[in-house]
Structures are given as C-alpha cells and as structure tokens.
Amino acid sequence: MLAAALFGISAPISKFLLETIPPMLMAALLYLGAGIGMLFISLIKNTKKNKQKEAKIGRKELPFTIGMIGLDIAAPMFLMIGLTMTTASNASLLNNFEIVVTSLIALFIF
C-alpha cells in the first residue's frame, strides 16, 4: 500500500519540484529514494533466518536483462522531461495507464 501511495504522489510532487530542479537530477533523486527503500527492505530480509536463493541469470536471459536495465534507467528520465511539458494530472493518469498497457503487452507477447 505504501509503494502504491508513493507511486501515486510521485508525479505531482515531481512536477512541483521540477520548477527548481533539472529533470535529470529529479530522475536521479527518484532512483536514490528507491535505492534507499530497497536497502531497508534488504536489511530486514537479511535479519530473517530463512533465506531464499534466487535463480542465476543465464546467457540466454542476459540480453533481456540488459535491455530491461536500459529501459528502466530511461523511463524516469523521460517521465521527468515529460512532466516539464504537461500537467501533473495528465502525467499521473498516463502513469496509471502504463500499468494497463504493460499488462496488455505481457498478455500478447508472453
């Protein structure tokens, strides 16, 4: 629930902050916040006794993983640039529509 709430308010707050912060710096700050959040989650998981092992990435998955990382870096940059050109409400609606489109793409491709 907290992640959904933070995701929902990210566009309006970013739009407000973009008046004084450049778009690339704002995207970097969003990534920094996500990294700090994941650090706390990782620390909490490491204190538990039952650790799960993750599957290793094979050569076949490597191009997809690199593509995913590249797109994941580009997405917030384009979002922040787009926020400078549109209203926060439009960007927020498009952010929510992204979830629907991603689901449809996954349905048709996979």
N, C-alpha and C. Protein backbone atom coordinates (compact mmCIF):
# COMPACT_ATOMS: atom_id res chain seq x y z
N MET A 1 0.82 -1.19 0.00
CA MET A 1 0.00 0.00 0.00
C MET A 1 0.87 1.26 0.00
N LEU A 2 1.95 1.21 0.76
CA LEU A 2 2.83 2.37 0.83
C LEU A 2 3.48 2.62 -0.53
N ALA A 3 3.90 1.55 -1.21
CA ALA A 3 4.51 1.71 -2.52
C ALA A 3 3.53 2.32 -3.52
N ALA A 4 2.28 1.88 -3.48
CA ALA A 4 1.27 2.43 -4.38
C ALA A 4 1.01 3.90 -4.08
N ALA A 5 0.97 4.25 -2.81
CA ALA A 5 0.75 5.65 -2.44
C ALA A 5 1.91 6.52 -2.88
N LEU A 6 3.13 6.05 -2.66
CA LEU A 6 4.30 6.82 -3.09
C LEU A 6 4.36 6.96 -4.60
N PHE A 7 4.00 5.89 -5.31
CA PHE A 7 3.97 5.96 -6.77
C PHE A 7 2.93 6.97 -7.24
N GLY A 8 1.79 7.00 -6.58
CA GLY A 8 0.72 7.90 -6.98
C GLY A 8 1.05 9.36 -6.76
N ILE A 9 1.80 9.66 -5.72
CA ILE A 9 2.11 11.07 -5.46
C ILE A 9 3.44 11.51 -6.09
N SER A 10 4.15 10.59 -6.72
CA SER A 10 5.46 10.96 -7.28
C SER A 10 5.34 11.98 -8.41
N ALA A 11 4.35 11.83 -9.29
CA ALA A 11 4.22 12.78 -10.41
C ALA A 11 3.84 14.18 -9.94
N PRO A 12 2.84 14.36 -9.09
CA PRO A 12 2.52 15.73 -8.65
C PRO A 12 3.65 16.40 -7.86
N ILE A 13 4.30 15.65 -7.00
CA ILE A 13 5.40 16.23 -6.22
C ILE A 13 6.58 16.54 -7.13
N SER A 14 6.87 15.64 -8.07
CA SER A 14 7.96 15.88 -9.01
C SER A 14 7.68 17.11 -9.87
N LYS A 15 6.44 17.27 -10.30
CA LYS A 15 6.07 18.45 -11.09
C LYS A 15 6.34 19.72 -10.31
N PHE A 16 6.00 19.72 -9.04
CA PHE A 16 6.25 20.88 -8.19
C PHE A 16 7.76 21.14 -8.05
N LEU A 17 8.54 20.08 -7.84
CA LEU A 17 9.98 20.22 -7.65
C LEU A 17 10.72 20.56 -8.94
N LEU A 18 10.13 20.20 -10.09
CA LEU A 18 10.79 20.46 -11.37
C LEU A 18 10.87 21.95 -11.70
N GLU A 19 10.17 22.77 -10.92
CA GLU A 19 10.28 24.22 -11.14
C GLU A 19 11.66 24.72 -10.74
N THR A 20 12.34 24.01 -9.84
CA THR A 20 13.66 24.44 -9.38
C THR A 20 14.76 23.42 -9.64
N ILE A 21 14.40 22.17 -9.93
CA ILE A 21 15.38 21.10 -10.13
C ILE A 21 15.34 20.65 -11.58
N PRO A 22 16.50 20.46 -12.22
CA PRO A 22 16.51 19.94 -13.60
C PRO A 22 15.94 18.52 -13.68
N PRO A 23 15.35 18.14 -14.82
CA PRO A 23 14.70 16.82 -14.95
C PRO A 23 15.63 15.64 -14.69
N MET A 24 16.88 15.70 -15.15
CA MET A 24 17.78 14.56 -14.95
C MET A 24 18.14 14.40 -13.47
N LEU A 25 18.32 15.51 -12.77
CA LEU A 25 18.60 15.43 -11.34
C LEU A 25 17.40 14.88 -10.59
N MET A 26 16.20 15.29 -10.99
CA MET A 26 14.99 14.78 -10.35
C MET A 26 14.86 13.27 -10.56
N ALA A 27 15.15 12.79 -11.76
CA ALA A 27 15.11 11.35 -12.02
C ALA A 27 16.14 10.62 -11.16
N ALA A 28 17.31 11.21 -11.01
CA ALA A 28 18.35 10.60 -10.18
C ALA A 28 17.92 10.56 -8.72
N LEU A 29 17.25 11.61 -8.25
CA LEU A 29 16.77 11.62 -6.87
C LEU A 29 15.68 10.57 -6.64
N LEU A 30 14.83 10.34 -7.66
CA LEU A 30 13.83 9.28 -7.54
C LEU A 30 14.51 7.91 -7.41
N TYR A 31 15.55 7.69 -8.21
CA TYR A 31 16.29 6.44 -8.12
C TYR A 31 17.00 6.30 -6.79
N LEU A 32 17.54 7.40 -6.28
CA LEU A 32 18.20 7.36 -4.98
C LEU A 32 17.21 6.98 -3.88
N GLY A 33 16.02 7.55 -3.92
CA GLY A 33 14.99 7.21 -2.95
C GLY A 33 14.58 5.75 -3.05
N ALA A 34 14.45 5.24 -4.27
CA ALA A 34 14.10 3.83 -4.46
C ALA A 34 15.22 2.93 -3.94
N GLY A 35 16.46 3.33 -4.17
CA GLY A 35 17.60 2.55 -3.68
C GLY A 35 17.66 2.50 -2.17
N ILE A 36 17.39 3.64 -1.53
CA ILE A 36 17.39 3.67 -0.07
C ILE A 36 16.26 2.79 0.48
N GLY A 37 15.10 2.84 -0.15
CA GLY A 37 13.99 1.98 0.27
C GLY A 37 14.33 0.51 0.12
N MET A 38 14.95 0.14 -0.99
CA MET A 38 15.32 -1.26 -1.20
C MET A 38 16.43 -1.70 -0.24
N LEU A 39 17.30 -0.76 0.17
CA LEU A 39 18.32 -1.07 1.16
C LEU A 39 17.68 -1.47 2.49
N PHE A 40 16.65 -0.72 2.90
CA PHE A 40 15.96 -1.07 4.14
C PHE A 40 15.27 -2.42 4.03
N ILE A 41 14.64 -2.68 2.90
CA ILE A 41 13.98 -3.98 2.70
C ILE A 41 15.00 -5.11 2.73
N SER A 42 16.15 -4.89 2.09
CA SER A 42 17.21 -5.91 2.08
C SER A 42 17.74 -6.17 3.48
N LEU A 43 17.91 -5.10 4.25
CA LEU A 43 18.40 -5.28 5.63
C LEU A 43 17.40 -6.05 6.47
N ILE A 44 16.13 -5.78 6.28
CA ILE A 44 15.10 -6.50 7.04
C ILE A 44 15.07 -7.97 6.63
N LYS A 45 15.20 -8.25 5.33
CA LYS A 45 15.18 -9.64 4.87
C LYS A 45 16.40 -10.40 5.35
N ASN A 46 17.55 -9.72 5.45
CA ASN A 46 18.77 -10.41 5.89
C ASN A 46 18.72 -10.78 7.37
N THR A 47 17.88 -10.13 8.15
CA THR A 47 17.78 -10.48 9.56
C THR A 47 16.94 -11.73 9.79
N LYS A 48 16.13 -12.10 8.82
CA LYS A 48 15.33 -13.32 8.95
C LYS A 48 16.21 -14.55 8.74
N LYS A 49 15.83 -15.64 9.38
CA LYS A 49 16.66 -16.85 9.32
C LYS A 49 16.47 -17.65 8.05
N ASN A 50 15.26 -17.68 7.50
CA ASN A 50 15.01 -18.48 6.30
C ASN A 50 15.30 -17.64 5.06
N LYS A 51 16.47 -17.90 4.48
CA LYS A 51 16.87 -17.15 3.29
C LYS A 51 16.51 -17.95 2.04
N GLN A 52 16.00 -17.25 1.04
CA GLN A 52 15.66 -17.89 -0.21
C GLN A 52 16.77 -17.63 -1.22
N LYS A 53 17.09 -18.65 -1.99
CA LYS A 53 18.10 -18.48 -3.04
C LYS A 53 17.40 -18.10 -4.33
N GLU A 54 17.99 -17.16 -5.04
CA GLU A 54 17.43 -16.74 -6.32
C GLU A 54 18.12 -17.49 -7.45
N ALA A 55 17.39 -17.66 -8.54
CA ALA A 55 17.97 -18.31 -9.70
C ALA A 55 19.00 -17.41 -10.34
N LYS A 56 20.05 -18.00 -10.88
CA LYS A 56 21.10 -17.23 -11.54
C LYS A 56 20.67 -16.87 -12.95
N ILE A 57 21.18 -15.76 -13.43
CA ILE A 57 20.87 -15.32 -14.78
C ILE A 57 21.79 -16.05 -15.76
N GLY A 58 21.19 -16.72 -16.73
CA GLY A 58 21.96 -17.44 -17.73
C GLY A 58 22.28 -16.56 -18.93
N ARG A 59 23.06 -17.09 -19.84
CA ARG A 59 23.43 -16.34 -21.05
C ARG A 59 22.21 -15.99 -21.89
N LYS A 60 21.21 -16.86 -21.89
CA LYS A 60 20.02 -16.63 -22.70
C LYS A 60 19.22 -15.42 -22.20
N GLU A 61 19.22 -15.20 -20.90
CA GLU A 61 18.46 -14.09 -20.33
C GLU A 61 19.24 -12.78 -20.30
N LEU A 62 20.53 -12.82 -20.55
CA LEU A 62 21.37 -11.63 -20.43
C LEU A 62 20.95 -10.46 -21.33
N PRO A 63 20.65 -10.67 -22.62
CA PRO A 63 20.22 -9.53 -23.44
C PRO A 63 18.91 -8.90 -22.94
N PHE A 64 17.99 -9.72 -22.46
CA PHE A 64 16.73 -9.19 -21.93
C PHE A 64 16.98 -8.39 -20.66
N THR A 65 17.89 -8.88 -19.84
CA THR A 65 18.21 -8.19 -18.59
C THR A 65 18.87 -6.84 -18.88
N ILE A 66 19.80 -6.81 -19.82
CA ILE A 66 20.45 -5.55 -20.18
C ILE A 66 19.44 -4.57 -20.77
N GLY A 67 18.56 -5.06 -21.62
CA GLY A 67 17.51 -4.21 -22.18
C GLY A 67 16.59 -3.65 -21.11
N MET A 68 16.24 -4.50 -20.14
CA MET A 68 15.37 -4.06 -19.05
C MET A 68 16.05 -2.98 -18.21
N ILE A 69 17.32 -3.15 -17.94
CA ILE A 69 18.05 -2.15 -17.16
C ILE A 69 18.12 -0.83 -17.92
N GLY A 70 18.41 -0.89 -19.22
CA GLY A 70 18.47 0.33 -20.03
C GLY A 70 17.14 1.07 -20.07
N LEU A 71 16.07 0.34 -20.27
CA LEU A 71 14.74 0.96 -20.30
C LEU A 71 14.33 1.48 -18.93
N ASP A 72 14.75 0.77 -17.89
CA ASP A 72 14.42 1.19 -16.53
C ASP A 72 15.16 2.46 -16.14
N ILE A 73 16.31 2.69 -16.73
CA ILE A 73 17.04 3.94 -16.49
C ILE A 73 16.43 5.07 -17.30
N ALA A 74 16.04 4.79 -18.54
CA ALA A 74 15.50 5.82 -19.43
C ALA A 74 14.10 6.29 -19.02
N ALA A 75 13.30 5.40 -18.46
CA ALA A 75 11.90 5.72 -18.16
C ALA A 75 11.74 6.92 -17.21
N PRO A 76 12.42 6.97 -16.07
CA PRO A 76 12.25 8.14 -15.20
C PRO A 76 12.76 9.43 -15.84
N MET A 77 13.82 9.31 -16.65
CA MET A 77 14.32 10.50 -17.33
C MET A 77 13.27 11.07 -18.28
N PHE A 78 12.66 10.20 -19.07
CA PHE A 78 11.62 10.66 -19.99
C PHE A 78 10.38 11.14 -19.23
N LEU A 79 10.09 10.51 -18.09
CA LEU A 79 8.95 10.96 -17.28
C LEU A 79 9.19 12.38 -16.79
N MET A 80 10.38 12.66 -16.29
CA MET A 80 10.67 13.99 -15.77
C MET A 80 10.68 15.04 -16.90
N ILE A 81 11.20 14.67 -18.05
CA ILE A 81 11.17 15.59 -19.19
C ILE A 81 9.73 15.83 -19.62
N GLY A 82 8.93 14.77 -19.63
CA GLY A 82 7.52 14.91 -19.99
C GLY A 82 6.75 15.74 -18.98
N LEU A 83 7.11 15.64 -17.71
CA LEU A 83 6.43 16.44 -16.68
C LEU A 83 6.67 17.93 -16.88
N THR A 84 7.82 18.27 -17.46
CA THR A 84 8.07 19.69 -17.71
C THR A 84 7.20 20.22 -18.85
N MET A 85 6.64 19.32 -19.65
CA MET A 85 5.85 19.72 -20.82
C MET A 85 4.35 19.58 -20.63
N THR A 86 3.90 18.94 -19.56
CA THR A 86 2.46 18.69 -19.37
C THR A 86 2.07 18.97 -17.93
N THR A 87 0.81 18.80 -17.64
CA THR A 87 0.34 18.99 -16.26
C THR A 87 0.60 17.73 -15.44
N ALA A 88 0.63 17.90 -14.14
CA ALA A 88 0.86 16.76 -13.26
C ALA A 88 -0.31 15.77 -13.32
N SER A 89 -1.52 16.28 -13.50
CA SER A 89 -2.68 15.38 -13.55
C SER A 89 -2.63 14.51 -14.81
N ASN A 90 -2.25 15.09 -15.95
CA ASN A 90 -2.11 14.28 -17.16
C ASN A 90 -1.03 13.22 -17.00
N ALA A 91 0.08 13.61 -16.43
CA ALA A 91 1.18 12.66 -16.24
C ALA A 91 0.77 11.56 -15.27
N SER A 92 0.03 11.90 -14.24
CA SER A 92 -0.42 10.89 -13.28
C SER A 92 -1.38 9.89 -13.93
N LEU A 93 -2.28 10.39 -14.76
CA LEU A 93 -3.19 9.49 -15.48
C LEU A 93 -2.43 8.59 -16.44
N LEU A 94 -1.45 9.14 -17.14
CA LEU A 94 -0.64 8.33 -18.05
C LEU A 94 0.17 7.30 -17.28
N ASN A 95 0.66 7.66 -16.10
CA ASN A 95 1.37 6.70 -15.26
C ASN A 95 0.48 5.51 -14.90
N ASN A 96 -0.76 5.79 -14.56
CA ASN A 96 -1.69 4.70 -14.23
C ASN A 96 -2.04 3.88 -15.46
N PHE A 97 -2.14 4.53 -16.60
CA PHE A 97 -2.43 3.81 -17.84
C PHE A 97 -1.25 2.93 -18.25
N GLU A 98 -0.05 3.29 -17.81
CA GLU A 98 1.13 2.49 -18.12
C GLU A 98 0.97 1.08 -17.57
N ILE A 99 0.38 0.93 -16.41
CA ILE A 99 0.18 -0.39 -15.81
C ILE A 99 -0.72 -1.24 -16.70
N VAL A 100 -1.77 -0.63 -17.24
CA VAL A 100 -2.69 -1.35 -18.12
C VAL A 100 -1.98 -1.77 -19.40
N VAL A 101 -1.25 -0.85 -20.00
CA VAL A 101 -0.56 -1.15 -21.26
C VAL A 101 0.51 -2.22 -21.04
N THR A 102 1.24 -2.14 -19.94
CA THR A 102 2.25 -3.16 -19.65
C THR A 102 1.61 -4.53 -19.51
N SER A 103 0.47 -4.59 -18.87
CA SER A 103 -0.24 -5.87 -18.73
C SER A 103 -0.70 -6.39 -20.08
N LEU A 104 -1.19 -5.52 -20.93
CA LEU A 104 -1.63 -5.94 -22.26
C LEU A 104 -0.46 -6.42 -23.11
N ILE A 105 0.65 -5.71 -23.04
CA ILE A 105 1.84 -6.14 -23.79
C ILE A 105 2.29 -7.52 -23.30
N ALA A 106 2.31 -7.70 -21.99
CA ALA A 106 2.71 -9.02 -21.44
C ALA A 106 1.74 -10.10 -21.89
N LEU A 107 0.45 -9.79 -21.93
CA LEU A 107 -0.55 -10.77 -22.35
C LEU A 107 -0.33 -11.18 -23.80
N PHE A 108 -0.10 -10.22 -24.68
CA PHE A 108 0.03 -10.54 -26.10
C PHE A 108 1.39 -11.10 -26.48
N ILE A 109 2.43 -10.70 -25.79
CA ILE A 109 3.78 -11.19 -26.14
C ILE A 109 4.07 -12.52 -25.46
N PHE A 110 3.71 -12.64 -24.19
CA PHE A 110 4.07 -13.84 -23.46
C PHE A 110 2.92 -14.80 -23.33
